[in-house]
PDB file of all heavy atoms in Angstrom:
ATOM      1  N   ILE A   1     -34.067 -21.014  -5.842  1.00  0.00           N
ATOM      2  CA  ILE A   1     -33.392 -21.796  -4.726  1.00  0.00           C
ATOM      3  C   ILE A   1     -32.745 -20.865  -3.653  1.00  0.00           C
ATOM      4  O   ILE A   1     -31.874 -20.109  -4.047  1.00  0.00           O
ATOM      5  CB  ILE A   1     -32.336 -22.906  -5.256  1.00  0.00           C
ATOM      6  CG1 ILE A   1     -33.031 -23.874  -6.286  1.00  0.00           C
ATOM      7  CG2 ILE A   1     -31.721 -23.596  -4.095  1.00  0.00           C
ATOM      8  CD1 ILE A   1     -34.058 -24.673  -5.606  1.00  0.00           C
ATOM      9  N   ARG A   2     -33.250 -20.995  -2.456  1.00  0.00           N
ATOM     10  CA  ARG A   2     -32.719 -20.134  -1.381  1.00  0.00           C
ATOM     11  C   ARG A   2     -31.673 -20.954  -0.528  1.00  0.00           C
ATOM     12  O   ARG A   2     -31.963 -21.978  -0.091  1.00  0.00           O
ATOM     13  CB  ARG A   2     -33.854 -19.677  -0.546  1.00  0.00           C
ATOM     14  CG  ARG A   2     -34.826 -18.681  -1.174  1.00  0.00           C
ATOM     15  CD  ARG A   2     -36.178 -18.544  -0.330  1.00  0.00           C
ATOM     16  NE  ARG A   2     -36.908 -19.818  -0.510  1.00  0.00           N
ATOM     17  CZ  ARG A   2     -38.056 -19.924   0.015  1.00  0.00           C
ATOM     18  NH1 ARG A   2     -38.634 -18.930   0.591  1.00  0.00           N
ATOM     19  NH2 ARG A   2     -38.726 -21.159  -0.078  1.00  0.00           N
ATOM     20  N   VAL A   3     -30.577 -20.321  -0.390  1.00  0.00           N
ATOM     21  CA  VAL A   3     -29.365 -20.874   0.259  1.00  0.00           C
ATOM     22  C   VAL A   3     -28.963 -19.956   1.482  1.00  0.00           C
ATOM     23  O   VAL A   3     -28.725 -18.878   1.260  1.00  0.00           O
ATOM     24  CB  VAL A   3     -28.252 -21.147  -0.769  1.00  0.00           C
ATOM     25  CG1 VAL A   3     -26.934 -21.631  -0.057  1.00  0.00           C
ATOM     26  CG2 VAL A   3     -28.605 -21.976  -1.953  1.00  0.00           C
ATOM     27  N   ILE A   4     -28.739 -20.652   2.537  1.00  0.00           N
ATOM     28  CA  ILE A   4     -28.104 -20.076   3.685  1.00  0.00           C
ATOM     29  C   ILE A   4     -26.597 -20.542   3.767  1.00  0.00           C
ATOM     30  O   ILE A   4     -26.317 -21.798   3.922  1.00  0.00           O
ATOM     31  CB  ILE A   4     -28.753 -20.273   4.922  1.00  0.00           C
ATOM     32  CG1 ILE A   4     -30.216 -19.846   4.918  1.00  0.00           C
ATOM     33  CG2 ILE A   4     -28.031 -19.615   6.202  1.00  0.00           C
ATOM     34  CD1 ILE A   4     -31.101 -20.302   6.151  1.00  0.00           C
ATOM     35  N   GLU A   5     -25.669 -19.677   3.670  1.00  0.00           N
ATOM     36  CA  GLU A   5     -24.314 -20.124   3.750  1.00  0.00           C
ATOM     37  C   GLU A   5     -23.630 -19.413   5.074  1.00  0.00           C
ATOM     38  O   GLU A   5     -23.571 -18.321   5.250  1.00  0.00           O
ATOM     39  CB  GLU A   5     -23.494 -19.444   2.527  1.00  0.00           C
ATOM     40  CG  GLU A   5     -21.923 -19.742   2.629  1.00  0.00           C
ATOM     41  CD  GLU A   5     -21.150 -18.956   1.551  1.00  0.00           C
ATOM     42  OE1 GLU A   5     -21.679 -18.900   0.463  1.00  0.00           O
ATOM     43  OE2 GLU A   5     -20.155 -18.356   1.982  1.00  0.00           O
ATOM     44  N   MET A   6     -23.318 -20.362   5.899  1.00  0.00           N
ATOM     45  CA  MET A   6     -22.592 -19.976   7.202  1.00  0.00           C
ATOM     46  C   MET A   6     -21.237 -19.626   6.746  1.00  0.00           C
ATOM     47  O   MET A   6     -20.492 -20.374   6.214  1.00  0.00           O
ATOM     48  CB  MET A   6     -22.651 -21.079   8.205  1.00  0.00           C
ATOM     49  CG  MET A   6     -23.982 -21.628   8.514  1.00  0.00           C
ATOM     50  SD  MET A   6     -25.193 -20.444   9.114  1.00  0.00           S
ATOM     51  CE  MET A   6     -24.591 -20.199  10.717  1.00  0.00           C
ATOM     52  N   ALA A   7     -20.843 -18.420   7.177  1.00  0.00           N
ATOM     53  CA  ALA A   7     -19.495 -17.894   6.762  1.00  0.00           C
ATOM     54  C   ALA A   7     -18.340 -18.673   7.093  1.00  0.00           C
ATOM     55  O   ALA A   7     -18.311 -19.299   8.185  1.00  0.00           O
ATOM     56  CB  ALA A   7     -19.278 -16.407   7.277  1.00  0.00           C
ATOM     57  N   GLY A   8     -17.484 -18.944   6.209  1.00  0.00           N
ATOM     58  CA  GLY A   8     -16.290 -19.737   6.472  1.00  0.00           C
ATOM     59  C   GLY A   8     -15.178 -19.298   5.492  1.00  0.00           C
ATOM     60  O   GLY A   8     -15.247 -18.165   4.837  1.00  0.00           O
ATOM     61  N   ILE A   9     -14.142 -20.104   5.367  1.00  0.00           N
ATOM     62  CA  ILE A   9     -13.114 -19.837   4.481  1.00  0.00           C
ATOM     63  C   ILE A   9     -12.904 -20.807   3.243  1.00  0.00           C
ATOM     64  O   ILE A   9     -13.189 -22.028   3.478  1.00  0.00           O
ATOM     65  CB  ILE A   9     -11.753 -19.647   5.183  1.00  0.00           C
ATOM     66  CG1 ILE A   9     -11.396 -20.978   5.882  1.00  0.00           C
ATOM     67  CG2 ILE A   9     -11.797 -18.536   6.251  1.00  0.00           C
ATOM     68  CD1 ILE A   9      -9.995 -21.021   6.525  1.00  0.00           C
ATOM     69  N   ALA A  10     -12.561 -20.346   2.160  1.00  0.00           N
ATOM     70  CA  ALA A  10     -12.169 -21.127   0.957  1.00  0.00           C
ATOM     71  C   ALA A  10     -13.132 -22.096   0.440  1.00  0.00           C
ATOM     72  O   ALA A  10     -13.979 -21.749  -0.400  1.00  0.00           O
ATOM     73  CB  ALA A  10     -10.805 -21.752   1.186  1.00  0.00           C
ATOM     74  N   PRO A  11     -13.367 -23.319   0.974  1.00  0.00           N
ATOM     75  CA  PRO A  11     -14.158 -24.271   0.202  1.00  0.00           C
ATOM     76  C   PRO A  11     -15.645 -24.023   0.257  1.00  0.00           C
ATOM     77  O   PRO A  11     -16.263 -24.070  -0.767  1.00  0.00           O
ATOM     78  CB  PRO A  11     -13.901 -25.598   0.990  1.00  0.00           C
ATOM     79  CG  PRO A  11     -12.555 -25.422   1.769  1.00  0.00           C
ATOM     80  CD  PRO A  11     -12.601 -23.892   2.011  1.00  0.00           C
ATOM     81  N   SER A  12     -16.269 -23.747   1.434  1.00  0.00           N
ATOM     82  CA  SER A  12     -17.629 -23.436   1.511  1.00  0.00           C
ATOM     83  C   SER A  12     -17.949 -22.142   0.794  1.00  0.00           C
ATOM     84  O   SER A  12     -19.069 -22.171   0.008  1.00  0.00           O
ATOM     85  CB  SER A  12     -18.187 -23.447   2.937  1.00  0.00           C
ATOM     86  OG  SER A  12     -17.401 -22.538   3.684  1.00  0.00           O
ATOM     87  N   PRO A  13     -17.284 -21.048   0.823  1.00  0.00           N
ATOM     88  CA  PRO A  13     -17.681 -19.895  -0.019  1.00  0.00           C
ATOM     89  C   PRO A  13     -17.510 -20.217  -1.457  1.00  0.00           C
ATOM     90  O   PRO A  13     -18.450 -19.684  -2.285  1.00  0.00           O
ATOM     91  CB  PRO A  13     -16.605 -18.752   0.454  1.00  0.00           C
ATOM     92  CG  PRO A  13     -16.184 -19.284   1.819  1.00  0.00           C
ATOM     93  CD  PRO A  13     -16.208 -20.727   1.858  1.00  0.00           C
ATOM     94  N   PHE A  14     -16.629 -20.953  -1.854  1.00  0.00           N
ATOM     95  CA  PHE A  14     -16.531 -21.414  -3.306  1.00  0.00           C
ATOM     96  C   PHE A  14     -17.693 -22.151  -3.696  1.00  0.00           C
ATOM     97  O   PHE A  14     -18.320 -21.949  -4.817  1.00  0.00           O
ATOM     98  CB  PHE A  14     -15.246 -22.156  -3.488  1.00  0.00           C
ATOM     99  CG  PHE A  14     -15.043 -22.672  -4.971  1.00  0.00           C
ATOM    100  CD1 PHE A  14     -14.991 -21.868  -5.958  1.00  0.00           C
ATOM    101  CD2 PHE A  14     -15.041 -24.115  -5.185  1.00  0.00           C
ATOM    102  CE1 PHE A  14     -14.862 -22.364  -7.239  1.00  0.00           C
ATOM    103  CE2 PHE A  14     -14.860 -24.610  -6.356  1.00  0.00           C
ATOM    104  CZ  PHE A  14     -14.718 -23.640  -7.474  1.00  0.00           C
ATOM    105  N   CYS A  15     -18.086 -23.006  -2.850  1.00  0.00           N
ATOM    106  CA  CYS A  15     -19.376 -23.874  -3.157  1.00  0.00           C
ATOM    107  C   CYS A  15     -20.578 -22.942  -3.157  1.00  0.00           C
ATOM    108  O   CYS A  15     -21.416 -22.979  -4.208  1.00  0.00           O
ATOM    109  CB  CYS A  15     -19.685 -24.824  -1.993  1.00  0.00           C
ATOM    110  SG  CYS A  15     -21.080 -25.878  -2.182  1.00  0.00           S
ATOM    111  N   GLY A  16     -20.700 -21.961  -2.366  1.00  0.00           N
ATOM    112  CA  GLY A  16     -21.766 -20.994  -2.290  1.00  0.00           C
ATOM    113  C   GLY A  16     -21.753 -20.098  -3.653  1.00  0.00           C
ATOM    114  O   GLY A  16     -22.710 -19.782  -4.236  1.00  0.00           O
ATOM    115  N   MET A  17     -20.567 -19.766  -4.088  1.00  0.00           N
ATOM    116  CA  MET A  17     -20.371 -19.003  -5.282  1.00  0.00           C
ATOM    117  C   MET A  17     -20.934 -19.692  -6.462  1.00  0.00           C
ATOM    118  O   MET A  17     -21.531 -19.146  -7.357  1.00  0.00           O
ATOM    119  CB  MET A  17     -18.879 -18.637  -5.452  1.00  0.00           C
ATOM    120  CG  MET A  17     -18.619 -17.750  -6.624  1.00  0.00           C
ATOM    121  SD  MET A  17     -16.770 -17.937  -7.248  1.00  0.00           S
ATOM    122  CE  MET A  17     -16.973 -19.398  -8.103  1.00  0.00           C
ATOM    123  N   ILE A  18     -20.595 -20.959  -6.544  1.00  0.00           N
ATOM    124  CA  ILE A  18     -21.055 -21.842  -7.770  1.00  0.00           C
ATOM    125  C   ILE A  18     -22.608 -21.814  -7.779  1.00  0.00           C
ATOM    126  O   ILE A  18     -23.196 -21.543  -8.841  1.00  0.00           O
ATOM    127  CB  ILE A  18     -20.651 -23.304  -7.555  1.00  0.00           C
ATOM    128  CG1 ILE A  18     -19.046 -23.348  -7.657  1.00  0.00           C
ATOM    129  CG2 ILE A  18     -21.245 -24.218  -8.640  1.00  0.00           C
ATOM    130  CD1 ILE A  18     -18.445 -24.835  -7.357  1.00  0.00           C
ATOM    131  N   LEU A  19     -23.264 -21.992  -6.616  1.00  0.00           N
ATOM    132  CA  LEU A  19     -24.660 -21.956  -6.509  1.00  0.00           C
ATOM    133  C   LEU A  19     -25.166 -20.563  -7.012  1.00  0.00           C
ATOM    134  O   LEU A  19     -26.148 -20.460  -7.678  1.00  0.00           O
ATOM    135  CB  LEU A  19     -25.132 -22.292  -5.113  1.00  0.00           C
ATOM    136  CG  LEU A  19     -24.669 -23.588  -4.664  1.00  0.00           C
ATOM    137  CD1 LEU A  19     -25.266 -23.851  -3.203  1.00  0.00           C
ATOM    138  CD2 LEU A  19     -25.218 -24.810  -5.506  1.00  0.00           C
ATOM    139  N   ALA A  20     -24.584 -19.479  -6.480  1.00  0.00           N
ATOM    140  CA  ALA A  20     -25.041 -18.136  -6.810  1.00  0.00           C
ATOM    141  C   ALA A  20     -24.869 -17.892  -8.261  1.00  0.00           C
ATOM    142  O   ALA A  20     -25.743 -17.205  -8.883  1.00  0.00           O
ATOM    143  CB  ALA A  20     -24.254 -17.079  -5.943  1.00  0.00           C
ATOM    144  N   ASP A  21     -23.737 -18.294  -8.839  1.00  0.00           N
ATOM    145  CA  ASP A  21     -23.473 -18.113 -10.352  1.00  0.00           C
ATOM    146  C   ASP A  21     -24.597 -18.696 -11.221  1.00  0.00           C
ATOM    147  O   ASP A  21     -24.875 -18.120 -12.176  1.00  0.00           O
ATOM    148  CB  ASP A  21     -22.070 -18.757 -10.737  1.00  0.00           C
ATOM    149  CG  ASP A  21     -20.949 -17.959 -10.317  1.00  0.00           C
ATOM    150  OD1 ASP A  21     -21.047 -16.808  -9.946  1.00  0.00           O
ATOM    151  OD2 ASP A  21     -19.780 -18.497 -10.445  1.00  0.00           O
ATOM    152  N   PHE A  22     -25.237 -19.758 -10.715  1.00  0.00           N
ATOM    153  CA  PHE A  22     -26.260 -20.428 -11.504  1.00  0.00           C
ATOM    154  C   PHE A  22     -27.576 -20.119 -11.007  1.00  0.00           C
ATOM    155  O   PHE A  22     -28.577 -20.882 -11.155  1.00  0.00           O
ATOM    156  CB  PHE A  22     -26.017 -21.862 -11.588  1.00  0.00           C
ATOM    157  CG  PHE A  22     -24.800 -22.134 -12.577  1.00  0.00           C
ATOM    158  CD1 PHE A  22     -23.541 -22.248 -12.020  1.00  0.00           C
ATOM    159  CD2 PHE A  22     -24.969 -22.245 -13.837  1.00  0.00           C
ATOM    160  CE1 PHE A  22     -22.453 -22.482 -12.807  1.00  0.00           C
ATOM    161  CE2 PHE A  22     -23.949 -22.563 -14.708  1.00  0.00           C
ATOM    162  CZ  PHE A  22     -22.675 -22.599 -14.204  1.00  0.00           C
ATOM    163  N   GLY A  23     -27.732 -18.939 -10.249  1.00  0.00           N
ATOM    164  CA  GLY A  23     -29.096 -18.409  -9.936  1.00  0.00           C
ATOM    165  C   GLY A  23     -29.668 -18.542  -8.531  1.00  0.00           C
ATOM    166  O   GLY A  23     -30.609 -17.897  -8.187  1.00  0.00           O
ATOM    167  N   ALA A  24     -28.843 -19.233  -7.645  1.00  0.00           N
ATOM    168  CA  ALA A  24     -29.478 -19.376  -6.275  1.00  0.00           C
ATOM    169  C   ALA A  24     -29.449 -18.093  -5.512  1.00  0.00           C
ATOM    170  O   ALA A  24     -28.420 -17.286  -5.845  1.00  0.00           O
ATOM    171  CB  ALA A  24     -28.665 -20.460  -5.515  1.00  0.00           C
ATOM    172  N   ASP A  25     -30.356 -17.899  -4.585  1.00  0.00           N
ATOM    173  CA  ASP A  25     -30.287 -16.707  -3.831  1.00  0.00           C
ATOM    174  C   ASP A  25     -29.566 -17.047  -2.491  1.00  0.00           C
ATOM    175  O   ASP A  25     -30.212 -17.692  -1.656  1.00  0.00           O
ATOM    176  CB  ASP A  25     -31.875 -16.415  -3.457  1.00  0.00           C
ATOM    177  CG  ASP A  25     -31.943 -15.204  -2.562  1.00  0.00           C
ATOM    178  OD1 ASP A  25     -30.924 -14.636  -2.069  1.00  0.00           O
ATOM    179  OD2 ASP A  25     -33.132 -14.736  -2.206  1.00  0.00           O
ATOM    180  N   VAL A  26     -28.334 -16.660  -2.499  1.00  0.00           N
ATOM    181  CA  VAL A  26     -27.517 -17.047  -1.386  1.00  0.00           C
ATOM    182  C   VAL A  26     -27.251 -15.810  -0.364  1.00  0.00           C
ATOM    183  O   VAL A  26     -26.939 -14.688  -0.860  1.00  0.00           O
ATOM    184  CB  VAL A  26     -26.041 -17.341  -1.980  1.00  0.00           C
ATOM    185  CG1 VAL A  26     -25.107 -17.804  -0.798  1.00  0.00           C
ATOM    186  CG2 VAL A  26     -26.096 -18.557  -2.939  1.00  0.00           C
ATOM    187  N   THR A  27     -27.530 -16.182   0.859  1.00  0.00           N
ATOM    188  CA  THR A  27     -27.349 -15.179   1.965  1.00  0.00           C
ATOM    189  C   THR A  27     -26.290 -15.719   2.882  1.00  0.00           C
ATOM    190  O   THR A  27     -26.415 -16.815   3.471  1.00  0.00           O
ATOM    191  CB  THR A  27     -28.749 -14.983   2.777  1.00  0.00           C
ATOM    192  OG1 THR A  27     -29.600 -14.522   1.907  1.00  0.00           O
ATOM    193  CG2 THR A  27     -28.421 -14.030   3.790  1.00  0.00           C
ATOM    194  N   VAL A  28     -25.134 -15.009   3.015  1.00  0.00           N
ATOM    195  CA  VAL A  28     -24.086 -15.375   3.982  1.00  0.00           C
ATOM    196  C   VAL A  28     -24.440 -14.940   5.343  1.00  0.00           C
ATOM    197  O   VAL A  28     -24.700 -13.654   5.576  1.00  0.00           O
ATOM    198  CB  VAL A  28     -22.715 -14.777   3.507  1.00  0.00           C
ATOM    199  CG1 VAL A  28     -21.578 -15.165   4.457  1.00  0.00           C
ATOM    200  CG2 VAL A  28     -22.465 -15.155   2.048  1.00  0.00           C
ATOM    201  N   VAL A  29     -24.379 -15.941   6.338  1.00  0.00           N
ATOM    202  CA  VAL A  29     -24.472 -15.421   7.686  1.00  0.00           C
ATOM    203  C   VAL A  29     -23.056 -15.397   8.315  1.00  0.00           C
ATOM    204  O   VAL A  29     -22.418 -16.354   8.574  1.00  0.00           O
ATOM    205  CB  VAL A  29     -25.302 -16.439   8.464  1.00  0.00           C
ATOM    206  CG1 VAL A  29     -25.357 -16.175   9.969  1.00  0.00           C
ATOM    207  CG2 VAL A  29     -26.755 -16.641   7.881  1.00  0.00           C
ATOM    208  N   ASP A  30     -22.719 -14.124   8.665  1.00  0.00           N
ATOM    209  CA  ASP A  30     -21.395 -13.928   9.236  1.00  0.00           C
ATOM    210  C   ASP A  30     -21.467 -13.462  10.576  1.00  0.00           C
ATOM    211  O   ASP A  30     -22.497 -13.054  11.092  1.00  0.00           O
ATOM    212  CB  ASP A  30     -20.690 -12.788   8.349  1.00  0.00           C
ATOM    213  CG  ASP A  30     -19.232 -12.974   8.362  1.00  0.00           C
ATOM    214  OD1 ASP A  30     -18.674 -13.648   9.172  1.00  0.00           O
ATOM    215  OD2 ASP A  30     -18.484 -12.275   7.562  1.00  0.00           O
ATOM    216  N   ARG A  31     -20.319 -13.399  11.278  1.00  0.00           N
ATOM    217  CA  ARG A  31     -20.210 -13.083  12.637  1.00  0.00           C
ATOM    218  C   ARG A  31     -20.243 -11.498  12.760  1.00  0.00           C
ATOM    219  O   ARG A  31     -19.916 -10.753  11.823  1.00  0.00           O
ATOM    220  CB  ARG A  31     -18.924 -13.527  13.283  1.00  0.00           C
ATOM    221  CG  ARG A  31     -18.707 -15.021  13.188  1.00  0.00           C
ATOM    222  CD  ARG A  31     -17.277 -15.500  13.632  1.00  0.00           C
ATOM    223  NE  ARG A  31     -17.043 -16.866  13.626  1.00  0.00           N
ATOM    224  CZ  ARG A  31     -15.900 -17.407  13.834  1.00  0.00           C
ATOM    225  NH1 ARG A  31     -14.902 -16.710  14.081  1.00  0.00           N
ATOM    226  NH2 ARG A  31     -15.756 -18.676  13.755  1.00  0.00           N
ATOM    227  N   PRO A  32     -20.481 -10.899  13.895  1.00  0.00           N
ATOM    228  CA  PRO A  32     -20.363  -9.464  14.112  1.00  0.00           C
ATOM    229  C   PRO A  32     -18.857  -9.081  13.871  1.00  0.00           C
ATOM    230  O   PRO A  32     -17.991  -9.918  14.075  1.00  0.00           O
ATOM    231  CB  PRO A  32     -20.788  -9.244  15.561  1.00  0.00           C
ATOM    232  CG  PRO A  32     -21.614 -10.427  15.975  1.00  0.00           C
ATOM    233  CD  PRO A  32     -21.000 -11.708  15.091  1.00  0.00           C
ATOM    234  N   SER A  33     -18.633  -7.955  13.405  1.00  0.00           N
ATOM    235  CA  SER A  33     -17.338  -7.486  13.161  1.00  0.00           C
ATOM    236  C   SER A  33     -16.459  -7.001  14.454  1.00  0.00           C
ATOM    237  O   SER A  33     -15.268  -6.993  14.514  1.00  0.00           O
ATOM    238  CB  SER A  33     -17.230  -6.379  12.222  1.00  0.00           C
ATOM    239  OG  SER A  33     -17.969  -5.176  12.789  1.00  0.00           O
ATOM    240  N   LYS A  34     -17.327  -6.940  15.509  1.00  0.00           N
ATOM    241  CA  LYS A  34     -16.812  -6.548  16.845  1.00  0.00           C
ATOM    242  C   LYS A  34     -17.233  -7.592  17.806  1.00  0.00           C
ATOM    243  O   LYS A  34     -18.305  -8.052  17.827  1.00  0.00           O
ATOM    244  CB  LYS A  34     -17.225  -5.242  17.297  1.00  0.00           C
ATOM    245  CG  LYS A  34     -16.686  -4.087  16.305  1.00  0.00           C
ATOM    246  CD  LYS A  34     -17.268  -2.726  16.822  1.00  0.00           C
ATOM    247  CE  LYS A  34     -16.742  -1.611  15.819  1.00  0.00           C
ATOM    248  NZ  LYS A  34     -17.271  -0.329  16.325  1.00  0.00           N
ATOM    249  N   GLY A  35     -16.276  -7.927  18.855  1.00  0.00           N
ATOM    250  CA  GLY A  35     -16.635  -8.807  19.845  1.00  0.00           C
ATOM    251  C   GLY A  35     -16.482 -10.252  19.595  1.00  0.00           C
ATOM    252  O   GLY A  35     -16.750 -11.049  20.387  1.00  0.00           O
ATOM    253  N   ALA A  36     -16.008 -10.630  18.424  1.00  0.00           N
ATOM    254  CA  ALA A  36     -15.779 -12.043  18.108  1.00  0.00           C
ATOM    255  C   ALA A  36     -14.802 -12.084  17.060  1.00  0.00           C
ATOM    256  O   ALA A  36     -14.526 -11.108  16.262  1.00  0.00           O
ATOM    257  CB  ALA A  36     -17.115 -12.621  17.532  1.00  0.00           C
ATOM    258  N   PRO A  37     -14.007 -13.198  16.914  1.00  0.00           N
ATOM    259  CA  PRO A  37     -12.989 -13.336  15.972  1.00  0.00           C
ATOM    260  C   PRO A  37     -13.579 -13.254  14.579  1.00  0.00           C
ATOM    261  O   PRO A  37     -14.526 -13.773  14.301  1.00  0.00           O
ATOM    262  CB  PRO A  37     -12.323 -14.685  16.206  1.00  0.00           C
ATOM    263  CG  PRO A  37     -12.806 -15.030  17.676  1.00  0.00           C
ATOM    264  CD  PRO A  37     -14.114 -14.282  17.862  1.00  0.00           C
ATOM    265  N   GLU A  38     -12.814 -12.519  13.593  1.00  0.00           N
ATOM    266  CA  GLU A  38     -13.285 -12.378  12.335  1.00  0.00           C
ATOM    267  C   GLU A  38     -12.949 -13.624  11.559  1.00  0.00           C
ATOM    268  O   GLU A  38     -11.996 -14.318  11.777  1.00  0.00           O
ATOM    269  CB  GLU A  38     -12.570 -11.350  11.644  1.00  0.00           C
ATOM    270  CG  GLU A  38     -13.191  -9.918  11.831  1.00  0.00           C
ATOM    271  CD  GLU A  38     -14.480  -9.836  10.945  1.00  0.00           C
ATOM    272  OE1 GLU A  38     -14.614 -10.294   9.870  1.00  0.00           O
ATOM    273  OE2 GLU A  38     -15.384  -9.047  11.552  1.00  0.00           O
ATOM    274  N   ILE A  39     -13.953 -14.122  10.591  1.00  0.00           N
ATOM    275  CA  ILE A  39     -13.474 -15.122   9.752  1.00  0.00           C
ATOM    276  C   ILE A  39     -12.378 -14.608   8.802  1.00  0.00           C
ATOM    277  O   ILE A  39     -12.424 -13.477   8.347  1.00  0.00           O
ATOM    278  CB  ILE A  39     -14.668 -15.426   8.804  1.00  0.00           C
ATOM    279  CG1 ILE A  39     -15.916 -16.005   9.540  1.00  0.00           C
ATOM    280  CG2 ILE A  39     -14.222 -16.343   7.659  1.00  0.00           C
ATOM    281  CD1 ILE A  39     -15.537 -17.350  10.194  1.00  0.00           C
ATOM    282  N   PRO A  40     -11.251 -15.290   8.808  1.00  0.00           N
ATOM    283  CA  PRO A  40     -10.067 -14.807   8.067  1.00  0.00           C
ATOM    284  C   PRO A  40     -10.441 -14.514   6.597  1.00  0.00           C
ATOM    285  O   PRO A  40     -11.027 -15.244   5.933  1.00  0.00           O
ATOM    286  CB  PRO A  40      -8.949 -15.969   8.168  1.00  0.00           C
ATOM    287  CG  PRO A  40      -9.399 -16.745   9.356  1.00  0.00           C
ATOM    288  CD  PRO A  40     -10.921 -16.674   9.431  1.00  0.00           C
ATOM    289  N   ASN A  41     -10.191 -13.348   6.203  1.00  0.00           N
ATOM    290  CA  ASN A  41     -10.485 -12.800   4.818  1.00  0.00           C
ATOM    291  C   ASN A  41      -9.341 -11.797   4.457  1.00  0.00           C
ATOM    292  O   ASN A  41      -9.418 -10.738   4.895  1.00  0.00           O
ATOM    293  CB  ASN A  41     -11.875 -12.335   4.738  1.00  0.00           C
ATOM    294  CG  ASN A  41     -12.267 -11.828   3.328  1.00  0.00           C
ATOM    295  OD1 ASN A  41     -11.461 -12.141   2.389  1.00  0.00           O
ATOM    296  ND2 ASN A  41     -13.347 -11.289   3.218  1.00  0.00           N
ATOM    297  N   VAL A  42      -8.372 -12.214   3.734  1.00  0.00           N
ATOM    298  CA  VAL A  42      -7.377 -11.294   3.243  1.00  0.00           C
ATOM    299  C   VAL A  42      -7.791 -10.598   2.086  1.00  0.00           C
ATOM    300  O   VAL A  42      -6.979  -9.678   1.685  1.00  0.00           O
ATOM    301  CB  VAL A  42      -6.016 -12.052   3.029  1.00  0.00           C
ATOM    302  CG1 VAL A  42      -5.578 -12.813   4.300  1.00  0.00           C
ATOM    303  CG2 VAL A  42      -6.275 -13.133   1.951  1.00  0.00           C
ATOM    304  N   MET A  43      -8.858 -10.751   1.452  1.00  0.00           N
ATOM    305  CA  MET A  43      -9.275 -10.067   0.123  1.00  0.00           C
ATOM    306  C   MET A  43     -10.486  -9.064   0.399  1.00  0.00           C
ATOM    307  O   MET A  43     -11.526  -9.542   0.934  1.00  0.00           O
ATOM    308  CB  MET A  43      -9.593 -11.106  -0.835  1.00  0.00           C
ATOM    309  CG  MET A  43      -8.613 -12.020  -1.291  1.00  0.00           C
ATOM    310  SD  MET A  43      -9.019 -13.107  -2.657  1.00  0.00           S
ATOM    311  CE  MET A  43     -10.013 -14.231  -1.661  1.00  0.00           C
ATOM    312  N   ASP A  44     -10.225  -7.796   0.187  1.00  0.00           N
ATOM    313  CA  ASP A  44     -11.204  -6.857   0.231  1.00  0.00           C
ATOM    314  C   ASP A  44     -12.372  -7.137  -0.814  1.00  0.00           C
ATOM    315  O   ASP A  44     -13.533  -6.903  -0.524  1.00  0.00           O
ATOM    316  CB  ASP A  44     -10.726  -5.372  -0.018  1.00  0.00           C
ATOM    317  CG  ASP A  44      -9.873  -4.956   1.269  1.00  0.00           C
ATOM    318  OD1 ASP A  44     -10.109  -5.450   2.321  1.00  0.00           O
ATOM    319  OD2 ASP A  44      -8.907  -4.334   1.025  1.00  0.00           O
TER     320      ASP A  44
END
């Protein structure tokens, strides 16, 4: 199962994590690190 996860905070990444844990091929589409606000992420 191929999943595209548009980068976000908390709920949607958790949902994507559940799918990945059970075998889904999850690709996160994130913003560029420069020139646009970062998705808040306080965890390295």
